[in-house]
Amino acid sequence: MTDPDAPPADARRRPRPRVAMRGQILHGLHRESADVVVRNLTDGGAKVRLAAATGVQVSDRLVLRIAAVDRACVVAWRSGDELGLRFE
């Protein structure tokens, strides 16, 4: 039996509002771009899904561009075609 006062299993430090916005990841020396769909967004980071199989270098620093606003970020995790990004 579980404790009724225990937080839900997916409790997070901050709520992550779900969104479905188009964006781009800029990466590499020549700032190549890859289209993404932003799945959730907070002041601290974002979860994005790559729109197509791309050669995004996840070890590099990236820039997430949404509506002509650029945010420097690093990859916190990757699972398949999804990336967790932490803003710098």
N, C-alpha and C. Protein backbone atom coordinates (compact mmCIF):
# COMPACT_ATOMS: atom_id res chain seq x y z
N MET A 1 0.85 -1.18 0.00
CA MET A 1 0.00 0.00 0.00
C MET A 1 0.89 1.24 0.00
N THR A 2 0.49 2.27 -0.71
CA THR A 2 1.30 3.47 -0.82
C THR A 2 0.85 4.52 0.18
N ASP A 3 1.77 5.40 0.50
CA ASP A 3 1.49 6.50 1.43
C ASP A 3 0.68 7.57 0.71
N PRO A 4 -0.52 7.94 1.22
CA PRO A 4 -1.34 8.94 0.52
C PRO A 4 -0.70 10.32 0.50
N ASP A 5 0.25 10.59 1.41
CA ASP A 5 0.91 11.90 1.45
C ASP A 5 2.15 11.96 0.57
N ALA A 6 2.53 10.85 -0.02
CA ALA A 6 3.72 10.80 -0.87
C ALA A 6 3.44 11.55 -2.18
N PRO A 7 4.47 12.24 -2.71
CA PRO A 7 4.27 12.93 -3.99
C PRO A 7 4.08 11.91 -5.11
N PRO A 8 3.45 12.33 -6.22
CA PRO A 8 3.29 11.43 -7.36
C PRO A 8 4.65 10.96 -7.86
N ALA A 9 4.69 9.84 -8.54
CA ALA A 9 5.93 9.24 -9.02
C ALA A 9 6.70 10.16 -9.97
N ASP A 10 6.01 11.00 -10.73
CA ASP A 10 6.70 11.87 -11.67
C ASP A 10 6.81 13.30 -11.15
N ALA A 11 6.84 13.47 -9.83
CA ALA A 11 6.98 14.81 -9.24
C ALA A 11 8.29 15.43 -9.72
N ARG A 12 8.24 16.68 -10.08
CA ARG A 12 9.40 17.37 -10.61
C ARG A 12 9.66 18.61 -9.77
N ARG A 13 10.86 19.16 -9.92
CA ARG A 13 11.17 20.38 -9.19
C ARG A 13 10.29 21.53 -9.64
N ARG A 14 10.02 21.58 -10.93
CA ARG A 14 9.16 22.61 -11.49
C ARG A 14 8.16 21.95 -12.42
N PRO A 15 6.93 22.46 -12.45
CA PRO A 15 5.98 21.92 -13.42
C PRO A 15 6.48 22.21 -14.84
N ARG A 16 6.19 21.33 -15.76
CA ARG A 16 6.61 21.50 -17.14
C ARG A 16 5.38 21.61 -18.03
N PRO A 17 4.99 22.85 -18.34
CA PRO A 17 3.82 23.02 -19.20
C PRO A 17 4.05 22.41 -20.57
N ARG A 18 3.07 21.64 -21.03
CA ARG A 18 3.17 21.04 -22.36
C ARG A 18 2.85 22.08 -23.42
N VAL A 19 3.65 22.04 -24.46
CA VAL A 19 3.45 22.93 -25.60
C VAL A 19 3.68 22.13 -26.87
N ALA A 20 3.36 22.68 -27.97
CA ALA A 20 3.66 22.08 -29.28
C ALA A 20 4.04 23.24 -30.21
N MET A 21 5.30 23.64 -30.10
CA MET A 21 5.79 24.78 -30.88
C MET A 21 6.90 24.32 -31.82
N ARG A 22 6.96 24.93 -32.96
CA ARG A 22 8.07 24.65 -33.87
C ARG A 22 9.28 25.44 -33.43
N GLY A 23 10.44 24.85 -33.62
CA GLY A 23 11.68 25.52 -33.31
C GLY A 23 12.81 24.92 -34.11
N GLN A 24 14.02 25.37 -33.81
CA GLN A 24 15.20 24.85 -34.47
C GLN A 24 16.31 24.68 -33.44
N ILE A 25 17.12 23.67 -33.65
CA ILE A 25 18.36 23.50 -32.90
C ILE A 25 19.48 23.94 -33.83
N LEU A 26 20.32 24.84 -33.37
CA LEU A 26 21.50 25.26 -34.13
C LEU A 26 22.70 24.59 -33.48
N HIS A 27 23.50 23.90 -34.27
CA HIS A 27 24.60 23.13 -33.70
C HIS A 27 25.79 23.13 -34.65
N GLY A 28 26.93 22.75 -34.11
CA GLY A 28 28.14 22.61 -34.92
C GLY A 28 28.83 23.93 -35.18
N LEU A 29 30.00 23.80 -35.75
CA LEU A 29 30.84 24.96 -36.03
C LEU A 29 30.17 25.97 -36.96
N HIS A 30 29.42 25.47 -37.93
CA HIS A 30 28.77 26.34 -38.91
C HIS A 30 27.30 26.60 -38.60
N ARG A 31 26.91 26.26 -37.38
CA ARG A 31 25.54 26.47 -36.89
C ARG A 31 24.50 25.87 -37.84
N GLU A 32 24.74 24.59 -38.16
CA GLU A 32 23.74 23.87 -38.93
C GLU A 32 22.45 23.84 -38.14
N SER A 33 21.32 23.73 -38.82
CA SER A 33 20.04 23.73 -38.11
C SER A 33 19.29 22.43 -38.31
N ALA A 34 18.54 22.07 -37.30
CA ALA A 34 17.66 20.90 -37.35
C ALA A 34 16.31 21.33 -36.80
N ASP A 35 15.25 21.01 -37.51
CA ASP A 35 13.91 21.36 -37.05
C ASP A 35 13.50 20.47 -35.88
N VAL A 36 12.83 21.09 -34.90
CA VAL A 36 12.35 20.36 -33.73
C VAL A 36 10.93 20.80 -33.41
N VAL A 37 10.25 19.98 -32.61
CA VAL A 37 8.98 20.36 -32.00
C VAL A 37 9.25 20.45 -30.51
N VAL A 38 8.98 21.60 -29.92
CA VAL A 38 9.17 21.79 -28.49
C VAL A 38 7.98 21.18 -27.78
N ARG A 39 8.24 20.22 -26.89
CA ARG A 39 7.17 19.48 -26.20
C ARG A 39 6.84 20.07 -24.84
N ASN A 40 7.84 20.57 -24.12
CA ASN A 40 7.57 21.33 -22.91
C ASN A 40 8.69 22.34 -22.72
N LEU A 41 8.39 23.39 -21.95
CA LEU A 41 9.28 24.53 -21.88
C LEU A 41 9.17 25.17 -20.51
N THR A 42 10.33 25.40 -19.87
CA THR A 42 10.38 26.13 -18.60
C THR A 42 11.51 27.16 -18.69
N ASP A 43 11.68 27.94 -17.64
CA ASP A 43 12.78 28.89 -17.61
C ASP A 43 14.13 28.18 -17.61
N GLY A 44 14.16 26.94 -17.10
CA GLY A 44 15.42 26.21 -16.98
C GLY A 44 15.77 25.32 -18.16
N GLY A 45 14.80 25.01 -19.02
CA GLY A 45 15.11 24.12 -20.13
C GLY A 45 13.90 23.74 -20.94
N ALA A 46 14.08 22.73 -21.79
CA ALA A 46 13.01 22.31 -22.70
C ALA A 46 13.19 20.85 -23.07
N LYS A 47 12.10 20.23 -23.44
CA LYS A 47 12.13 18.89 -24.04
C LYS A 47 11.72 19.08 -25.48
N VAL A 48 12.56 18.59 -26.40
CA VAL A 48 12.27 18.75 -27.82
C VAL A 48 12.30 17.39 -28.50
N ARG A 49 11.57 17.30 -29.59
CA ARG A 49 11.58 16.10 -30.43
C ARG A 49 12.12 16.52 -31.79
N LEU A 50 13.13 15.78 -32.27
CA LEU A 50 13.68 16.06 -33.58
C LEU A 50 12.64 15.74 -34.64
N ALA A 51 12.46 16.64 -35.60
CA ALA A 51 11.45 16.45 -36.64
C ALA A 51 11.86 15.39 -37.64
N ALA A 52 13.15 15.15 -37.81
CA ALA A 52 13.65 14.14 -38.75
C ALA A 52 14.96 13.60 -38.22
N ALA A 53 15.36 12.45 -38.70
CA ALA A 53 16.65 11.88 -38.32
C ALA A 53 17.74 12.84 -38.79
N THR A 54 18.52 13.33 -37.85
CA THR A 54 19.56 14.30 -38.20
C THR A 54 20.85 13.92 -37.51
N GLY A 55 21.90 14.60 -37.86
CA GLY A 55 23.20 14.36 -37.25
C GLY A 55 23.51 15.36 -36.16
N VAL A 56 22.55 15.72 -35.33
CA VAL A 56 22.78 16.67 -34.25
C VAL A 56 23.84 16.10 -33.32
N GLN A 57 24.89 16.86 -33.09
CA GLN A 57 25.97 16.44 -32.20
C GLN A 57 25.57 16.77 -30.77
N VAL A 58 25.15 15.77 -30.03
CA VAL A 58 24.60 16.02 -28.70
C VAL A 58 25.65 16.41 -27.68
N SER A 59 26.93 16.24 -27.99
CA SER A 59 27.97 16.60 -27.02
C SER A 59 28.31 18.09 -27.09
N ASP A 60 27.91 18.74 -28.13
CA ASP A 60 28.21 20.16 -28.32
C ASP A 60 27.21 21.04 -27.57
N ARG A 61 27.61 22.27 -27.40
CA ARG A 61 26.64 23.26 -26.94
C ARG A 61 25.72 23.56 -28.10
N LEU A 62 24.47 23.76 -27.80
CA LEU A 62 23.46 24.00 -28.82
C LEU A 62 22.80 25.35 -28.58
N VAL A 63 22.04 25.78 -29.56
CA VAL A 63 21.18 26.95 -29.41
C VAL A 63 19.78 26.49 -29.82
N LEU A 64 18.80 26.77 -28.97
CA LEU A 64 17.41 26.50 -29.30
C LEU A 64 16.79 27.80 -29.77
N ARG A 65 16.27 27.81 -30.98
CA ARG A 65 15.63 29.01 -31.54
C ARG A 65 14.13 28.76 -31.61
N ILE A 66 13.38 29.60 -30.91
CA ILE A 66 11.91 29.56 -30.94
C ILE A 66 11.44 30.97 -31.23
N ALA A 67 10.68 31.12 -32.30
CA ALA A 67 10.10 32.42 -32.67
C ALA A 67 11.16 33.53 -32.67
N ALA A 68 12.30 33.26 -33.32
CA ALA A 68 13.40 34.21 -33.49
C ALA A 68 14.09 34.58 -32.18
N VAL A 69 13.87 33.83 -31.11
CA VAL A 69 14.57 34.03 -29.84
C VAL A 69 15.52 32.86 -29.65
N ASP A 70 16.81 33.16 -29.46
CA ASP A 70 17.82 32.13 -29.29
C ASP A 70 18.15 31.93 -27.81
N ARG A 71 18.24 30.66 -27.39
CA ARG A 71 18.63 30.32 -26.01
C ARG A 71 19.78 29.32 -26.08
N ALA A 72 20.92 29.68 -25.49
CA ALA A 72 22.05 28.77 -25.41
C ALA A 72 21.68 27.63 -24.47
N CYS A 73 22.08 26.41 -24.81
CA CYS A 73 21.71 25.27 -23.98
C CYS A 73 22.71 24.13 -24.17
N VAL A 74 22.60 23.17 -23.27
CA VAL A 74 23.38 21.93 -23.37
C VAL A 74 22.39 20.78 -23.27
N VAL A 75 22.78 19.64 -23.82
CA VAL A 75 21.92 18.47 -23.78
C VAL A 75 22.06 17.82 -22.41
N ALA A 76 20.93 17.68 -21.71
CA ALA A 76 20.92 17.02 -20.41
C ALA A 76 20.72 15.52 -20.57
N TRP A 77 19.93 15.12 -21.57
CA TRP A 77 19.67 13.70 -21.85
C TRP A 77 19.17 13.56 -23.27
N ARG A 78 19.27 12.33 -23.76
CA ARG A 78 18.73 12.02 -25.10
C ARG A 78 18.13 10.62 -25.05
N SER A 79 16.94 10.49 -25.64
CA SER A 79 16.27 9.20 -25.74
C SER A 79 15.61 9.13 -27.11
N GLY A 80 16.20 8.34 -28.00
CA GLY A 80 15.66 8.24 -29.35
C GLY A 80 15.71 9.59 -30.04
N ASP A 81 14.53 10.07 -30.47
CA ASP A 81 14.46 11.36 -31.17
C ASP A 81 14.11 12.51 -30.25
N GLU A 82 14.17 12.31 -28.93
CA GLU A 82 13.86 13.36 -27.97
C GLU A 82 15.13 13.79 -27.23
N LEU A 83 15.21 15.11 -26.97
CA LEU A 83 16.32 15.69 -26.24
C LEU A 83 15.79 16.49 -25.06
N GLY A 84 16.45 16.38 -23.93
CA GLY A 84 16.20 17.27 -22.80
C GLY A 84 17.30 18.32 -22.81
N LEU A 85 16.92 19.58 -22.88
CA LEU A 85 17.88 20.67 -22.96
C LEU A 85 17.87 21.50 -21.69
N ARG A 86 19.05 21.88 -21.21
CA ARG A 86 19.17 22.75 -20.04
C ARG A 86 19.73 24.09 -20.53
N PHE A 87 19.00 25.16 -20.26
CA PHE A 87 19.44 26.49 -20.70
C PHE A 87 20.61 26.96 -19.85
N GLU A 88 21.52 27.68 -20.51
CA GLU A 88 22.69 28.24 -19.80
C GLU A 88 22.43 29.66 -19.41
